[in-house]
Amino acid sequence: MATTKKTVSKKKIVTRKKTIVKKKTSSRKKTTANKESAATHSKAAADSRHALTAKFKADLKSAKKNLEAARIVAREELILVKKAAHDEIVVLKDQLAATLKREKELIKISEEKTKKMLAAGNRWEKKQLAKIKEAASKARRKAKA
């Protein structure tokens, strides 16, 4: 008998090819772009913030100037008002003094008239008493006679 040899087939060892992961260059560009855009955005924000701050400072400065001017004008107006009020007070005091003087003169005149009226009343009363006495003495004489 013939001996036959069995041939054993060798198994091929299959090695998988590793998939090569490419480094994404585009992602690097994106990060660079993102970094650049972030820097641009922060610069724009800082610029607008500085512009707003400058505008607020200018507004504050102009508001302070306006308030100072208004305060000066108000002070001048207050001085004028005080002077006008003082002048008005002087005029009113003069008028009051003149009125009081006139009133004293009127009181003096009315007192003089009252004295004259009393004197005239006393004279009239004396005349009337004299007439009454004379009439009474005539009546007594007639009664005796």
Foldseek 3Di string as FASTA:
>chain_A
DDDDDDDDDDDDDDDDDDDDDDDDPVVVVVVVVVVVVVVVVVVVVVVVVVVVVVVVVVVVVVVVVVVVVVVVVVVVVVVVVVVVVVVVVVVVVVVVVVVVVVVVVVVVVVVVVVVVVVVVVVVVVVVVVVVVVVVVVVVVVVVVD
